[in-house]
Amino acid sequence: MARVSALEFLRACARPSQLPGTILIYGPQAFLREYVLDTALASMNSPGRERLRLQLGPNDAPAALLGELSGPSLFAPTRMIACRVLRSRRARTHSADEGLDTGAKRDGDAQLAEAIVKLASSTSLVMLYEQERAPAAISQTVENRGLAVVCGKPFPNQVEQYAQLFARRLGLELSTAAGAHLAERCNADLGALHNTLALAAIELGAKAKVGMKELSGPFAGSAPELFDLARCVSSAQAGRFLALLDRAGALGRDAVEVLAVEIIPTLRRMLLAASMLAEGRRRAEIARALGMGPQSPAVESAIDGAARLGLNRIREAYREAVELDTAFKTGLVRERQAALCRLMLDMAQAPRGV
């Protein structure tokens, strides 16, 4: 039928709709894969349906799965099979591609694809690959017969949409302002975003309304607060940044993550805003270019930071941040937290440039 993103799939599940009988889940985002799996199984479940869970590890032959797919249910008129293909199995398969097991590997995928084609209408299959990609034979077959769901990293303008979908499934009514605030705080960390909303559901109860006031409650948690680092970058608050960075390190956050997830995206938004302000563009145009609403806290932060620091200063800071990211990933810089501190201090102390 199709290949869709996780966001498109979750939107479909939020509406009364009939899901196809075969669903394939894969992609680089581990939390999103698990969330989509849970949502799919909940949406496809029905009273009296037999449910069966299987997994394929590095040493497991697909014979058990093939047998279940080809045979009828003995206990119910319909059944749902959930199969997880472990990452270790895929890694072993890739290494075997260099040896004599390549033909066997391809035969196994072909047999599984053939079994999916012959799947009885009374049987539903949900397969999750703990991998960025599924085998071509499997993905092509499922795309023709059912639905392949790709769980990729969300774009900045999609995080708020995920927040609303998560909240709706938890029985919460999330205000637009609160959704935008959570999207800015949690950035692309959908696990932290969902955890915050899950704690809100426990604290406030079902059908609760969650606004800016409620987000300051005890369920807000310490992990999303660490995204205050991004706000410190936009306002050049070096002292607060250093304090939060120490706290982030104590809680186990890596400097590579802080740079890639918070600092560089924040500087990129500020650079775009500063460039457009220099051209005389308005707030609504800047928000549109950023892919966010005009009232989004991230847009406000980008514009304020651009006006405060100036285009030249932000451009230089962005260049240094990208070079530092490369140095982190190539192992040229070992004292990573100290390097982030120097980057922030340089940006805060540099003369303002228009």
Protein backbone atom coordinates (compact mmCIF):
# COMPACT_ATOMS: atom_id res chain seq x y z
CA MET A 1 0.00 0.00 0.00
CA ALA A 2 2.60 2.59 1.03
CA ARG A 3 5.60 3.72 3.02
CA VAL A 4 4.84 6.41 5.60
CA SER A 5 6.61 8.30 8.36
CA ALA A 6 5.96 7.54 12.01
CA LEU A 7 4.13 10.87 12.35
CA GLU A 8 1.75 10.01 9.50
CA PHE A 9 1.10 6.59 11.01
CA LEU A 10 0.34 7.95 14.47
CA ARG A 11 -2.04 10.51 12.98
CA ALA A 12 -3.87 7.69 11.21
CA CYS A 13 -4.11 5.72 14.46
CA ALA A 14 -5.58 8.76 16.23
CA ARG A 15 -8.53 8.70 13.80
CA PRO A 16 -11.07 5.89 13.45
CA SER A 17 -9.54 4.00 10.54
CA GLN A 18 -8.82 0.46 9.43
CA LEU A 19 -5.14 -0.42 9.51
CA PRO A 20 -3.77 -2.91 6.97
CA GLY A 21 -3.11 -6.47 8.10
CA THR A 22 0.67 -6.26 7.60
CA ILE A 23 2.84 -3.53 9.12
CA LEU A 24 6.63 -3.21 8.99
CA ILE A 25 8.47 -0.88 11.41
CA TYR A 26 12.09 0.23 11.13
CA GLY A 27 14.28 3.35 11.33
CA PRO A 28 17.06 4.93 13.39
CA GLN A 29 14.91 6.23 16.28
CA ALA A 30 14.67 3.47 18.89
CA PHE A 31 12.05 5.13 21.11
CA LEU A 32 9.86 5.92 18.13
CA ARG A 33 10.07 2.33 16.85
CA GLU A 34 8.84 1.01 20.19
CA TYR A 35 6.11 3.63 20.47
CA VAL A 36 4.83 2.88 16.96
CA LEU A 37 4.86 -0.86 17.74
CA ASP A 38 2.86 -0.33 20.92
CA THR A 39 0.38 1.94 19.13
CA ALA A 40 -0.04 -0.49 16.22
CA LEU A 41 -0.70 -3.48 18.50
CA ALA A 42 -3.20 -1.49 20.57
CA SER A 43 -5.01 -0.25 17.45
CA MET A 44 -5.19 -3.71 15.83
CA ASN A 45 -6.25 -5.58 18.96
CA SER A 46 -9.80 -6.79 19.34
CA PRO A 47 -11.67 -9.06 21.79
CA GLY A 48 -11.24 -12.75 21.12
CA ARG A 49 -8.19 -12.32 18.90
CA GLU A 50 -5.24 -14.61 19.58
CA ARG A 51 -2.01 -12.69 20.18
CA LEU A 52 1.43 -14.18 19.57
CA ARG A 53 4.86 -12.61 20.09
CA LEU A 54 8.03 -13.91 18.44
CA GLN A 55 11.58 -12.68 18.07
CA LEU A 56 14.45 -13.55 15.77
CA GLY A 57 17.90 -13.39 17.34
CA PRO A 58 21.35 -13.95 15.82
CA ASN A 59 21.08 -17.75 15.96
CA ASP A 60 17.35 -18.18 15.30
CA ALA A 61 16.11 -19.73 12.08
CA PRO A 62 12.95 -18.17 10.61
CA ALA A 63 11.25 -21.58 10.52
CA ALA A 64 9.09 -20.89 13.61
CA LEU A 65 7.86 -17.60 12.19
CA LEU A 66 7.25 -19.13 8.77
CA GLY A 67 5.24 -21.91 10.38
CA GLU A 68 3.06 -19.49 12.30
CA LEU A 69 2.45 -17.37 9.20
CA SER A 70 1.43 -20.33 7.07
CA GLY A 71 -0.68 -22.21 9.63
CA PRO A 72 -4.15 -21.32 10.94
CA SER A 73 -4.92 -20.38 14.52
CA LEU A 74 -6.08 -23.25 16.71
CA PHE A 75 -7.61 -21.11 19.46
CA ALA A 76 -9.38 -18.14 17.82
CA PRO A 77 -10.89 -17.16 14.46
CA THR A 78 -8.35 -14.34 14.06
CA ARG A 79 -4.88 -13.69 15.40
CA MET A 80 -2.19 -11.05 15.56
CA ILE A 81 1.52 -11.89 15.34
CA ALA A 82 4.14 -9.41 16.55
CA CYS A 83 7.68 -10.30 15.47
CA ARG A 84 10.82 -8.48 16.57
CA VAL A 85 14.04 -8.90 14.58
CA LEU A 86 16.89 -8.07 16.95
CA ARG A 87 19.69 -5.72 15.97
CA SER A 88 22.20 -8.47 16.78
CA ARG A 89 20.65 -10.66 14.08
CA ARG A 90 21.01 -7.97 11.44
CA ALA A 91 24.62 -7.25 12.47
CA ARG A 92 25.47 -10.95 12.21
CA THR A 93 23.74 -11.14 8.83
CA HIS A 94 25.74 -8.23 7.46
CA SER A 95 29.00 -9.83 8.55
CA ALA A 96 27.89 -13.10 6.99
CA ASP A 97 27.33 -11.31 3.70
CA GLU A 98 31.09 -11.49 3.17
CA GLY A 99 31.16 -15.26 3.54
CA LEU A 100 29.25 -18.27 2.34
CA ASP A 101 26.01 -17.50 4.20
CA THR A 102 24.91 -14.81 1.76
CA GLY A 103 22.72 -17.14 -0.28
CA ALA A 104 21.08 -18.55 2.84
CA LYS A 105 20.40 -15.05 4.09
CA ARG A 106 18.75 -14.05 0.83
CA ASP A 107 16.76 -17.31 0.74
CA GLY A 108 15.49 -16.61 4.28
CA ASP A 109 14.33 -13.12 3.33
CA ALA A 110 12.70 -14.44 0.15
CA GLN A 111 10.87 -17.18 2.06
CA LEU A 112 9.62 -14.69 4.59
CA ALA A 113 8.48 -12.30 1.85
CA GLU A 114 6.63 -15.15 0.14
CA ALA A 115 4.93 -16.10 3.43
CA ILE A 116 3.79 -12.49 3.88
CA VAL A 117 2.24 -12.50 0.39
CA LYS A 118 0.31 -15.71 1.23
CA LEU A 119 -0.77 -14.45 4.66
CA ALA A 120 -4.39 -15.34 5.42
CA SER A 121 -6.84 -12.47 5.90
CA SER A 122 -7.56 -13.73 9.43
CA THR A 123 -3.92 -13.14 10.47
CA SER A 124 -2.33 -9.74 11.10
CA LEU A 125 1.44 -9.31 11.20
CA VAL A 126 3.47 -6.50 12.77
CA MET A 127 7.24 -6.80 12.22
CA LEU A 128 9.79 -4.56 13.92
CA TYR A 129 13.41 -4.44 12.75
CA GLU A 130 15.81 -2.95 15.30
CA GLN A 131 17.69 -1.38 12.43
CA GLU A 132 17.71 1.71 10.25
CA ARG A 133 16.58 -0.36 7.25
CA ALA A 134 14.72 -3.59 6.66
CA PRO A 135 15.81 -6.11 3.99
CA ALA A 136 14.76 -4.97 0.52
CA ALA A 137 12.71 -8.11 -0.16
CA ILE A 138 10.70 -7.62 3.05
CA SER A 139 10.16 -3.87 2.71
CA GLN A 140 9.07 -4.10 -0.94
CA THR A 141 6.63 -6.90 -0.17
CA VAL A 142 5.08 -5.08 2.78
CA GLU A 143 4.85 -1.79 0.89
CA ASN A 144 2.86 -3.59 -1.84
CA ARG A 145 0.62 -5.45 0.59
CA GLY A 146 0.48 -3.36 3.76
CA LEU A 147 2.27 -0.45 5.40
CA ALA A 148 5.95 0.27 6.08
CA VAL A 149 6.51 2.80 8.88
CA VAL A 150 9.87 4.62 8.90
CA CYS A 151 10.87 5.96 12.32
CA GLY A 152 13.30 8.75 11.49
CA LYS A 153 14.51 11.74 13.46
CA PRO A 154 11.74 14.36 13.62
CA PHE A 155 12.15 17.73 11.95
CA PRO A 156 11.99 20.75 14.32
CA ASN A 157 8.48 21.67 13.16
CA GLN A 158 7.23 18.11 13.83
CA VAL A 159 8.12 17.87 17.53
CA GLU A 160 5.10 19.90 18.63
CA GLN A 161 2.86 17.64 16.53
CA TYR A 162 4.31 14.60 18.30
CA ALA A 163 3.61 16.31 21.64
CA GLN A 164 -0.06 16.72 20.74
CA LEU A 165 -0.33 13.09 19.58
CA PHE A 166 1.37 11.78 22.72
CA ALA A 167 -0.88 13.90 24.92
CA ARG A 168 -4.05 12.77 23.14
CA ARG A 169 -3.17 9.11 23.57
CA LEU A 170 -2.48 9.72 27.29
CA GLY A 171 -5.88 11.37 27.66
CA LEU A 172 -4.48 14.88 28.14
CA GLU A 173 -5.57 18.15 26.55
CA LEU A 174 -2.32 19.99 25.74
CA SER A 175 -2.55 23.71 25.00
CA THR A 176 -0.82 25.11 21.92
CA ALA A 177 1.54 27.23 24.03
CA ALA A 178 2.43 24.27 26.25
CA GLY A 179 3.06 22.07 23.22
CA ALA A 180 5.39 24.65 21.69
CA HIS A 181 7.19 25.06 25.02
CA LEU A 182 7.73 21.32 25.38
CA ALA A 183 8.92 21.08 21.77
CA GLU A 184 11.57 23.73 22.46
CA ARG A 185 12.69 22.17 25.74
CA CYS A 186 12.88 18.60 24.51
CA ASN A 187 14.01 19.33 20.95
CA ALA A 188 14.23 16.00 19.07
CA ASP A 189 14.30 13.89 22.27
CA LEU A 190 10.86 12.31 21.89
CA GLY A 191 11.50 9.94 24.79
CA ALA A 192 11.96 12.87 27.20
CA LEU A 193 8.92 14.56 25.69
CA HIS A 194 6.71 11.52 26.22
CA ASN A 195 8.05 10.92 29.73
CA THR A 196 7.12 14.48 30.73
CA LEU A 197 3.58 14.03 29.44
CA ALA A 198 3.25 10.56 31.01
CA LEU A 199 4.24 11.99 34.38
CA ALA A 200 1.72 14.79 33.87
CA ALA A 201 -1.00 12.20 33.22
CA ILE A 202 -0.10 10.42 36.47
CA GLU A 203 0.03 13.67 38.46
CA LEU A 204 -3.03 15.39 37.00
CA GLY A 205 -5.23 12.44 36.04
CA ALA A 206 -7.08 11.53 32.86
CA LYS A 207 -8.71 14.24 30.72
CA ALA A 208 -6.64 16.93 32.43
CA LYS A 209 -5.78 20.18 30.69
CA VAL A 210 -2.04 20.87 30.50
CA GLY A 211 -0.97 24.48 30.03
CA MET A 212 2.09 26.54 30.84
CA LYS A 213 1.17 26.61 34.54
CA GLU A 214 0.95 22.82 34.75
CA LEU A 215 4.32 22.41 33.04
CA SER A 216 6.01 24.01 36.03
CA GLY A 217 4.71 21.24 38.29
CA PRO A 218 6.79 18.48 39.90
CA PHE A 219 6.30 16.13 36.96
CA ALA A 220 8.26 18.45 34.65
CA GLY A 221 11.39 16.49 35.64
CA SER A 222 15.04 17.40 35.51
CA ALA A 223 15.95 15.99 32.09
CA PRO A 224 13.90 18.38 29.91
CA GLU A 225 15.08 21.31 32.07
CA LEU A 226 18.54 20.75 30.70
CA PHE A 227 17.33 22.16 27.39
CA ASP A 228 17.63 25.54 29.13
CA LEU A 229 21.17 25.28 27.74
CA ALA A 230 19.78 26.30 24.36
CA ARG A 231 18.17 29.40 25.85
CA CYS A 232 21.49 30.31 27.48
CA VAL A 233 23.12 30.17 24.05
CA SER A 234 20.56 32.52 22.49
CA SER A 235 20.89 35.01 25.36
CA ALA A 236 24.68 34.62 25.75
CA GLN A 237 24.33 33.86 29.47
CA ALA A 238 27.75 32.31 29.91
CA GLY A 239 27.60 31.87 33.68
CA ARG A 240 24.25 30.08 33.69
CA PHE A 241 25.36 27.98 30.71
CA LEU A 242 28.47 26.76 32.56
CA ALA A 243 26.41 25.88 35.65
CA LEU A 244 23.83 23.95 33.62
CA LEU A 245 26.57 22.22 31.64
CA ASP A 246 28.14 20.96 34.88
CA ARG A 247 24.75 19.71 36.01
CA ALA A 248 24.15 18.03 32.64
CA GLY A 249 27.48 16.23 32.90
CA ALA A 250 26.66 15.07 36.42
CA LEU A 251 23.38 13.60 35.14
CA GLY A 252 25.18 11.69 32.39
CA ARG A 253 24.69 13.88 29.34
CA ASP A 254 27.56 13.81 26.88
CA ALA A 255 29.13 16.98 25.49
CA VAL A 256 28.78 15.62 21.95
CA GLU A 257 25.02 15.34 22.45
CA VAL A 258 24.73 18.82 24.00
CA LEU A 259 26.61 20.35 21.07
CA ALA A 260 24.73 18.47 18.33
CA VAL A 261 21.23 18.52 19.84
CA GLU A 262 21.12 21.93 21.51
CA ILE A 263 23.90 24.34 20.64
CA ILE A 264 24.23 23.88 16.86
CA PRO A 265 20.45 23.84 16.14
CA THR A 266 20.01 26.95 18.31
CA LEU A 267 22.82 28.79 16.53
CA ARG A 268 21.42 27.68 13.16
CA ARG A 269 18.01 29.18 13.99
CA MET A 270 19.64 32.36 15.25
CA LEU A 271 21.78 32.63 12.11
CA LEU A 272 18.72 32.32 9.87
CA ALA A 273 16.82 34.85 11.96
CA ALA A 274 19.75 37.30 11.94
CA SER A 275 20.12 37.00 8.15
CA MET A 276 16.42 37.68 7.62
CA LEU A 277 16.37 40.56 10.11
CA ALA A 278 19.25 42.14 8.21
CA GLU A 279 17.05 41.96 5.10
CA GLY A 280 14.19 43.66 6.91
CA ARG A 281 11.99 40.55 7.11
CA ARG A 282 9.14 40.31 9.60
CA ARG A 283 8.59 37.88 12.46
CA ALA A 284 5.96 35.86 10.56
CA GLU A 285 8.36 35.36 7.64
CA ILE A 286 11.14 34.23 9.97
CA ALA A 287 8.78 31.79 11.71
CA ARG A 288 7.71 30.39 8.33
CA ALA A 289 11.34 29.91 7.29
CA LEU A 290 12.03 28.08 10.57
CA GLY A 291 8.98 25.86 10.01
CA MET A 292 7.35 26.97 13.27
CA GLY A 293 4.41 29.06 14.44
CA PRO A 294 4.93 32.82 14.99
CA GLN A 295 4.26 32.42 18.73
CA SER A 296 6.66 29.52 19.19
CA PRO A 297 9.15 30.05 22.04
CA ALA A 298 11.90 28.78 19.72
CA VAL A 299 11.11 31.54 17.21
CA GLU A 300 11.07 34.18 19.94
CA SER A 301 14.38 32.89 21.30
CA ALA A 302 15.98 32.90 17.83
CA ILE A 303 14.85 36.45 17.05
CA ASP A 304 15.87 37.80 20.47
CA GLY A 305 19.26 36.12 20.20
CA ALA A 306 19.77 37.43 16.67
CA ALA A 307 18.93 40.99 17.72
CA ARG A 308 21.13 40.76 20.82
CA LEU A 309 24.25 39.21 19.29
CA GLY A 310 24.24 40.37 15.68
CA LEU A 311 24.79 38.52 12.41
CA ASN A 312 28.61 38.53 12.33
CA ARG A 313 28.94 37.28 15.88
CA ILE A 314 26.43 34.47 15.34
CA ARG A 315 28.00 33.45 12.02
CA GLU A 316 31.43 33.11 13.67
CA ALA A 317 29.99 31.18 16.63
CA TYR A 318 28.14 28.80 14.28
CA ARG A 319 31.30 28.17 12.26
CA GLU A 320 33.27 27.40 15.44
CA ALA A 321 30.50 25.09 16.73
CA VAL A 322 30.43 23.07 13.49
CA GLU A 323 34.23 22.75 13.51
CA LEU A 324 34.12 21.66 17.15
CA ASP A 325 31.46 19.03 16.32
CA THR A 326 33.77 17.59 13.65
CA ALA A 327 36.69 17.62 16.09
CA PHE A 328 34.59 15.76 18.69
CA LYS A 329 33.56 13.06 16.23
CA THR A 330 37.06 12.55 14.83
CA GLY A 331 38.62 12.37 18.30
CA LEU A 332 40.79 15.48 17.91
CA VAL A 333 39.36 17.04 21.09
CA ARG A 334 39.30 14.99 24.28
CA GLU A 335 38.38 17.63 26.89
CA ARG A 336 34.94 18.11 25.41
CA GLN A 337 33.18 19.89 28.26
CA ALA A 338 36.02 22.40 28.55
CA ALA A 339 35.81 23.00 24.79
CA LEU A 340 32.09 23.79 25.07
CA CYS A 341 32.83 26.22 27.88
CA ARG A 342 35.42 28.01 25.73
CA LEU A 343 32.96 28.20 22.83
CA MET A 344 30.31 29.80 25.02
CA LEU A 345 32.72 32.24 26.66
CA ASP A 346 34.09 33.31 23.28
CA MET A 347 30.58 33.99 22.02
CA ALA A 348 29.59 35.92 25.12
CA GLN A 349 32.73 38.08 25.17
CA ALA A 350 33.15 38.75 21.43
CA PRO A 351 32.33 42.26 20.21
CA ARG A 352 28.86 42.60 18.74
CA GLY A 353 28.72 42.54 14.94
CA VAL A 354 25.80 43.56 12.75
